[in-house]
N, C-alpha and C. Protein backbone atom coordinates (compact mmCIF):
# COMPACT_ATOMS: atom_id res chain seq x y z
N MET A 1 -195.89 -38.52 57.92
CA MET A 1 -196.77 -38.48 57.00
C MET A 1 -197.30 -39.98 56.73
N GLN A 2 -196.74 -40.94 57.00
CA GLN A 2 -197.26 -42.28 56.82
C GLN A 2 -198.35 -42.41 57.84
N SER A 3 -198.18 -41.84 59.23
CA SER A 3 -199.39 -42.12 60.17
C SER A 3 -200.55 -41.38 59.69
N SER A 4 -200.53 -40.19 59.19
CA SER A 4 -201.54 -39.60 58.85
C SER A 4 -202.25 -40.04 57.61
N LYS A 5 -201.59 -40.71 56.78
CA LYS A 5 -202.13 -41.49 55.56
C LYS A 5 -202.80 -42.79 56.06
N ALA A 6 -202.21 -43.39 56.93
CA ALA A 6 -202.83 -44.76 57.61
C ALA A 6 -203.99 -44.18 58.39
N SER A 7 -204.01 -43.12 59.22
CA SER A 7 -205.14 -42.96 59.80
C SER A 7 -206.50 -42.30 59.04
N PHE A 8 -205.88 -41.57 58.02
CA PHE A 8 -206.68 -41.25 56.88
C PHE A 8 -207.52 -42.35 56.22
N SER A 9 -206.74 -43.46 55.91
CA SER A 9 -207.39 -44.56 55.36
C SER A 9 -208.19 -45.42 56.17
N ILE A 10 -207.94 -45.44 57.54
CA ILE A 10 -208.64 -46.08 58.48
C ILE A 10 -209.94 -45.39 58.68
N ALA A 11 -209.89 -43.94 58.58
CA ALA A 11 -211.17 -43.16 58.90
C ALA A 11 -211.93 -43.21 57.61
N SER A 12 -211.48 -43.49 56.54
CA SER A 12 -212.18 -43.49 55.12
C SER A 12 -213.10 -44.87 55.43
N ILE A 13 -212.24 -45.90 55.56
CA ILE A 13 -212.84 -47.20 55.63
C ILE A 13 -213.91 -47.27 56.81
N VAL A 14 -213.90 -46.71 57.87
CA VAL A 14 -214.69 -46.59 58.85
C VAL A 14 -216.08 -45.85 58.33
N ALA A 15 -215.75 -44.61 57.65
CA ALA A 15 -216.97 -43.83 57.24
C ALA A 15 -217.55 -44.68 56.09
N ILE A 16 -216.98 -45.49 55.23
CA ILE A 16 -217.88 -46.30 54.26
C ILE A 16 -218.44 -47.31 55.05
N ILE A 17 -217.94 -47.97 55.87
CA ILE A 17 -218.69 -49.13 56.61
C ILE A 17 -219.85 -48.41 57.25
N ALA A 18 -219.75 -47.36 57.86
CA ALA A 18 -220.82 -46.83 58.55
C ALA A 18 -221.85 -46.44 57.67
N ALA A 19 -221.43 -45.81 56.48
CA ALA A 19 -222.53 -45.43 55.44
C ALA A 19 -223.25 -46.68 55.00
N ILE A 20 -222.58 -47.69 54.82
CA ILE A 20 -223.20 -49.03 54.36
C ILE A 20 -224.32 -49.54 55.36
N LEU A 21 -223.68 -49.65 56.69
CA LEU A 21 -224.62 -50.15 57.68
C LEU A 21 -225.67 -49.20 57.70
N SER A 22 -225.50 -47.98 57.90
CA SER A 22 -226.81 -47.00 58.12
C SER A 22 -227.69 -47.04 56.98
N PHE A 23 -227.18 -47.31 55.74
CA PHE A 23 -227.87 -47.43 54.53
C PHE A 23 -228.79 -48.74 54.55
N LYS A 24 -228.16 -49.82 54.80
CA LYS A 24 -228.87 -51.10 54.90
C LYS A 24 -229.68 -51.22 56.00
N PHE A 25 -229.45 -50.83 57.37
CA PHE A 25 -230.30 -50.97 58.46
C PHE A 25 -231.10 -49.78 58.84
N GLY A 26 -230.84 -48.68 58.09
CA GLY A 26 -231.67 -47.48 58.22
C GLY A 26 -233.07 -47.63 58.51
N ALA A 27 -233.49 -48.45 57.37
CA ALA A 27 -234.93 -48.54 57.33
C ALA A 27 -235.38 -49.49 58.50
N ILE A 28 -234.63 -50.56 58.81
CA ILE A 28 -235.27 -51.32 60.00
C ILE A 28 -235.13 -50.63 61.24
N LEU A 29 -234.04 -49.85 61.53
CA LEU A 29 -234.01 -49.33 62.84
C LEU A 29 -234.75 -47.95 62.76
N GLY A 30 -235.51 -47.61 61.65
CA GLY A 30 -236.41 -46.50 61.73
C GLY A 30 -235.59 -45.08 61.71
N LEU A 31 -234.43 -45.09 61.17
CA LEU A 31 -233.70 -44.00 60.98
C LEU A 31 -234.09 -43.06 59.75
N ILE A 32 -233.76 -41.87 60.08
CA ILE A 32 -234.21 -40.83 58.89
C ILE A 32 -233.33 -41.11 57.73
N LYS A 33 -233.85 -41.08 56.54
CA LYS A 33 -233.06 -41.21 55.30
C LYS A 33 -231.93 -40.31 55.10
N GLY A 34 -232.10 -39.17 55.57
CA GLY A 34 -231.18 -38.14 55.33
C GLY A 34 -229.84 -38.46 56.17
N THR A 35 -230.00 -39.11 57.14
CA THR A 35 -228.60 -39.61 57.86
C THR A 35 -227.81 -40.55 57.12
N SER A 36 -228.41 -41.54 56.45
CA SER A 36 -227.72 -42.49 55.61
C SER A 36 -227.14 -41.84 54.49
N THR A 37 -227.92 -41.01 53.89
CA THR A 37 -227.34 -40.33 52.64
C THR A 37 -226.23 -39.44 52.92
N GLY A 38 -226.25 -38.75 54.23
CA GLY A 38 -225.20 -37.96 54.81
C GLY A 38 -223.92 -38.84 54.98
N SER A 39 -224.19 -39.93 55.45
CA SER A 39 -223.07 -40.83 55.57
C SER A 39 -222.29 -41.38 54.48
N VAL A 40 -223.14 -41.55 53.38
CA VAL A 40 -222.65 -41.92 52.01
C VAL A 40 -221.81 -40.69 51.56
N THR A 41 -222.46 -39.44 51.62
CA THR A 41 -221.76 -38.41 51.12
C THR A 41 -220.59 -38.12 51.93
N ASN A 42 -220.59 -38.23 53.16
CA ASN A 42 -219.23 -38.07 54.03
C ASN A 42 -218.24 -39.13 53.48
N ALA A 43 -218.60 -40.32 53.08
CA ALA A 43 -217.65 -41.27 52.61
C ALA A 43 -217.14 -40.91 51.30
N THR A 44 -217.95 -40.59 50.41
CA THR A 44 -217.61 -40.01 49.09
C THR A 44 -216.74 -39.04 48.91
N THR A 45 -217.01 -37.90 50.01
CA THR A 45 -215.90 -36.81 49.95
C THR A 45 -214.72 -37.33 50.54
N ALA A 46 -214.68 -38.22 51.61
CA ALA A 46 -213.57 -38.68 52.05
C ALA A 46 -212.66 -39.25 51.01
N TYR A 47 -213.30 -40.14 50.03
CA TYR A 47 -212.73 -40.85 49.21
C TYR A 47 -212.23 -39.91 48.11
N LYS A 48 -212.88 -38.85 47.60
CA LYS A 48 -212.44 -37.88 46.76
C LYS A 48 -211.15 -37.08 47.11
N GLN A 49 -211.22 -36.88 48.43
CA GLN A 49 -209.92 -36.21 48.99
C GLN A 49 -208.77 -37.00 48.93
N TYR A 50 -209.05 -38.17 49.28
CA TYR A 50 -207.94 -39.22 49.23
C TYR A 50 -207.30 -39.37 47.76
N GLN A 51 -208.17 -39.46 46.76
CA GLN A 51 -207.90 -39.52 45.35
C GLN A 51 -207.21 -38.16 44.88
N ASP A 52 -207.64 -36.88 45.40
CA ASP A 52 -206.90 -35.60 45.15
C ASP A 52 -205.50 -35.57 45.61
N VAL A 53 -205.31 -36.29 46.90
CA VAL A 53 -203.98 -36.22 47.41
C VAL A 53 -203.17 -37.12 46.58
N ALA A 54 -203.71 -38.28 46.27
CA ALA A 54 -202.94 -39.23 45.41
C ALA A 54 -202.50 -38.56 43.92
N ASN A 55 -203.56 -37.90 43.41
CA ASN A 55 -203.12 -37.30 42.16
C ASN A 55 -202.21 -36.23 42.27
N ALA A 56 -202.18 -35.41 43.31
CA ALA A 56 -201.02 -34.28 43.59
C ALA A 56 -199.90 -34.91 43.78
N LYS A 57 -199.72 -35.86 44.53
CA LYS A 57 -198.62 -36.62 44.66
C LYS A 57 -197.93 -37.26 43.47
N ALA A 58 -198.88 -37.78 42.61
CA ALA A 58 -198.24 -38.34 41.27
C ALA A 58 -197.86 -37.22 40.43
N LYS A 59 -198.55 -35.94 40.36
CA LYS A 59 -198.13 -34.83 39.51
C LYS A 59 -196.78 -34.34 40.12
N ILE A 60 -196.80 -34.04 41.30
CA ILE A 60 -195.40 -33.80 41.89
C ILE A 60 -194.33 -34.63 41.48
N GLU A 61 -194.46 -36.06 41.65
CA GLU A 61 -193.45 -36.85 41.26
C GLU A 61 -193.01 -36.77 39.83
N GLY A 62 -194.12 -36.49 39.02
CA GLY A 62 -193.80 -36.16 37.36
C GLY A 62 -192.92 -35.07 37.20
N LEU A 63 -193.45 -34.00 37.92
CA LEU A 63 -192.67 -32.71 37.65
C LEU A 63 -191.15 -32.61 38.23
N THR A 64 -191.20 -33.66 39.34
CA THR A 64 -189.68 -33.61 39.98
C THR A 64 -188.75 -34.29 38.89
N GLU A 65 -189.50 -35.43 38.30
CA GLU A 65 -188.54 -36.06 37.45
C GLU A 65 -188.25 -35.32 35.99
N GLU A 66 -189.25 -34.32 35.64
CA GLU A 66 -189.07 -33.75 34.57
C GLU A 66 -187.94 -32.51 34.87
N MET A 67 -188.02 -31.98 36.13
CA MET A 67 -187.12 -31.02 36.51
C MET A 67 -185.62 -31.74 36.52
N GLU A 68 -185.42 -32.85 37.06
CA GLU A 68 -184.21 -33.52 37.08
C GLU A 68 -183.64 -33.63 35.67
N ILE A 69 -184.56 -34.08 34.62
CA ILE A 69 -184.12 -34.26 33.21
C ILE A 69 -183.39 -32.81 32.82
N ILE A 70 -184.29 -31.80 32.99
CA ILE A 70 -183.84 -30.60 32.62
C ILE A 70 -182.59 -30.12 33.15
N ARG A 71 -182.40 -30.22 34.35
CA ARG A 71 -181.27 -29.83 35.30
C ARG A 71 -180.04 -30.68 34.58
N LYS A 72 -180.21 -31.83 34.34
CA LYS A 72 -179.00 -32.78 33.71
C LYS A 72 -178.66 -32.06 32.29
N ALA A 73 -179.85 -31.85 31.50
CA ALA A 73 -179.43 -31.37 30.21
C ALA A 73 -178.75 -29.90 30.16
N LEU A 74 -179.35 -29.00 31.19
CA LEU A 74 -178.49 -27.67 31.55
C LEU A 74 -177.11 -27.84 31.97
N GLU A 75 -176.85 -28.82 32.76
CA GLU A 75 -175.40 -28.99 33.25
C GLU A 75 -174.54 -29.44 31.98
N LYS A 76 -175.15 -30.33 31.10
CA LYS A 76 -174.40 -30.68 30.10
C LYS A 76 -174.13 -29.55 29.10
N ASP A 77 -175.16 -28.89 28.90
CA ASP A 77 -175.08 -27.71 27.92
C ASP A 77 -174.06 -26.74 28.51
N LEU A 78 -174.06 -26.51 29.82
CA LEU A 78 -173.14 -25.59 30.40
C LEU A 78 -171.68 -26.07 30.31
N ALA A 79 -171.59 -27.35 30.57
CA ALA A 79 -170.19 -27.84 30.33
C ALA A 79 -169.66 -27.88 29.04
N GLU A 80 -170.38 -27.96 27.91
CA GLU A 80 -170.17 -27.88 26.64
C GLU A 80 -169.54 -26.46 26.45
N ILE A 81 -170.46 -25.57 26.75
CA ILE A 81 -170.25 -24.04 26.43
C ILE A 81 -168.88 -23.60 27.19
N GLY A 82 -168.52 -24.09 28.42
CA GLY A 82 -167.40 -23.84 29.04
C GLY A 82 -166.13 -24.35 28.55
N GLU A 83 -166.40 -25.61 27.93
CA GLU A 83 -165.11 -26.21 27.32
C GLU A 83 -164.90 -25.34 25.95
N SER A 84 -165.84 -24.94 25.29
CA SER A 84 -165.63 -24.13 24.09
C SER A 84 -164.99 -22.89 24.36
N TYR A 85 -165.14 -22.33 25.37
CA TYR A 85 -164.45 -20.91 25.82
C TYR A 85 -163.24 -21.01 26.64
N ASP A 86 -162.76 -22.31 26.86
CA ASP A 86 -161.69 -22.42 27.72
C ASP A 86 -160.41 -21.91 27.02
N PRO A 87 -159.60 -21.10 27.58
CA PRO A 87 -158.50 -20.79 26.78
C PRO A 87 -157.34 -21.69 26.54
N SER A 88 -157.33 -22.73 27.47
CA SER A 88 -156.36 -23.81 27.10
C SER A 88 -156.58 -24.53 25.89
N SER A 89 -157.93 -24.66 25.65
CA SER A 89 -158.32 -25.31 24.45
C SER A 89 -158.19 -24.52 23.22
N LEU A 90 -157.90 -23.29 23.30
CA LEU A 90 -157.95 -22.68 22.03
C LEU A 90 -156.70 -22.89 21.09
N SER A 91 -156.62 -23.08 19.98
CA SER A 91 -155.19 -23.21 19.37
C SER A 91 -155.03 -21.84 18.68
N LEU A 92 -153.66 -21.46 18.96
CA LEU A 92 -153.14 -20.31 18.69
C LEU A 92 -152.00 -20.31 17.58
N GLU A 93 -152.18 -19.42 16.75
CA GLU A 93 -150.88 -19.35 15.74
C GLU A 93 -150.17 -18.12 15.92
N LYS A 94 -148.82 -18.35 15.77
CA LYS A 94 -147.81 -17.24 15.79
C LYS A 94 -147.82 -16.50 14.52
N GLU A 95 -147.92 -15.27 14.47
CA GLU A 95 -147.90 -14.51 13.40
C GLU A 95 -147.14 -13.19 13.83
N THR A 96 -145.96 -12.95 12.81
CA THR A 96 -145.06 -11.74 13.09
C THR A 96 -145.57 -10.53 12.22
N LEU A 97 -145.66 -9.51 13.02
CA LEU A 97 -146.06 -8.25 12.21
C LEU A 97 -144.79 -7.29 12.17
N LYS A 98 -144.72 -6.67 10.89
CA LYS A 98 -143.48 -5.79 10.94
C LYS A 98 -144.19 -4.32 10.88
N PRO A 99 -143.74 -3.51 11.77
CA PRO A 99 -144.05 -2.13 11.92
C PRO A 99 -143.36 -1.52 10.57
N THR A 100 -144.09 -0.50 10.12
CA THR A 100 -143.63 0.55 9.04
C THR A 100 -143.53 1.88 9.68
N ARG A 101 -142.82 2.62 9.08
CA ARG A 101 -142.71 4.00 9.64
C ARG A 101 -144.01 4.76 9.67
N THR A 102 -144.94 4.40 8.85
CA THR A 102 -146.14 5.16 8.77
C THR A 102 -147.24 4.78 9.95
N ASP A 103 -146.69 3.54 10.66
CA ASP A 103 -147.63 3.02 11.72
C ASP A 103 -147.09 3.56 12.95
N VAL A 104 -146.04 4.41 13.12
CA VAL A 104 -145.52 4.93 14.32
C VAL A 104 -145.93 6.31 14.55
N VAL A 105 -146.69 6.63 15.51
CA VAL A 105 -147.05 7.96 15.83
C VAL A 105 -146.61 8.30 17.35
N VAL A 106 -145.79 9.40 17.52
CA VAL A 106 -145.28 9.74 18.88
C VAL A 106 -146.38 10.92 19.32
N GLU A 107 -146.98 10.55 20.63
CA GLU A 107 -147.99 11.43 21.13
C GLU A 107 -147.43 12.31 22.27
N ARG A 108 -146.32 11.65 23.03
CA ARG A 108 -145.74 12.35 24.21
C ARG A 108 -144.21 12.03 24.19
N VAL A 109 -143.39 12.98 24.65
CA VAL A 109 -142.04 12.62 25.05
C VAL A 109 -141.80 12.88 26.52
N ALA A 110 -141.21 11.91 27.09
CA ALA A 110 -141.07 12.03 28.69
C ALA A 110 -139.70 11.76 28.98
N LEU A 111 -139.22 12.43 30.17
CA LEU A 111 -137.76 12.20 30.72
C LEU A 111 -137.81 11.82 32.01
N LEU A 112 -137.21 10.58 32.22
CA LEU A 112 -137.27 10.06 33.73
C LEU A 112 -135.78 9.90 34.03
N TRP A 113 -135.61 9.94 35.34
CA TRP A 113 -134.28 9.61 35.77
C TRP A 113 -134.30 9.05 37.29
N LYS A 114 -133.19 8.53 37.69
CA LYS A 114 -133.16 8.12 39.13
C LYS A 114 -132.24 8.56 39.88
């Protein structure tokens, strides 16, 4: 990635220098004006592309940081929820219920032996 960035930067610099030289010396050497403006356009396009790449990288870094913040908040919230539903952290109270005769209903009678 670094080598392509370095080669792109060198290519941009070469295009800019060529554009300046062709613009300055174009009239002296008798070159057509369209070629010098074409070089300037090429250099401008190369610079804009370089800026677009830099802007995209900055945006990716910002979104990556934002995702990391959201991920940490999510992990914290999940840990809190997990702790609140942990059975070992619940306080239980003993309560004795006494059955009454009206609460007992026999639905089946079965006989088992061995």
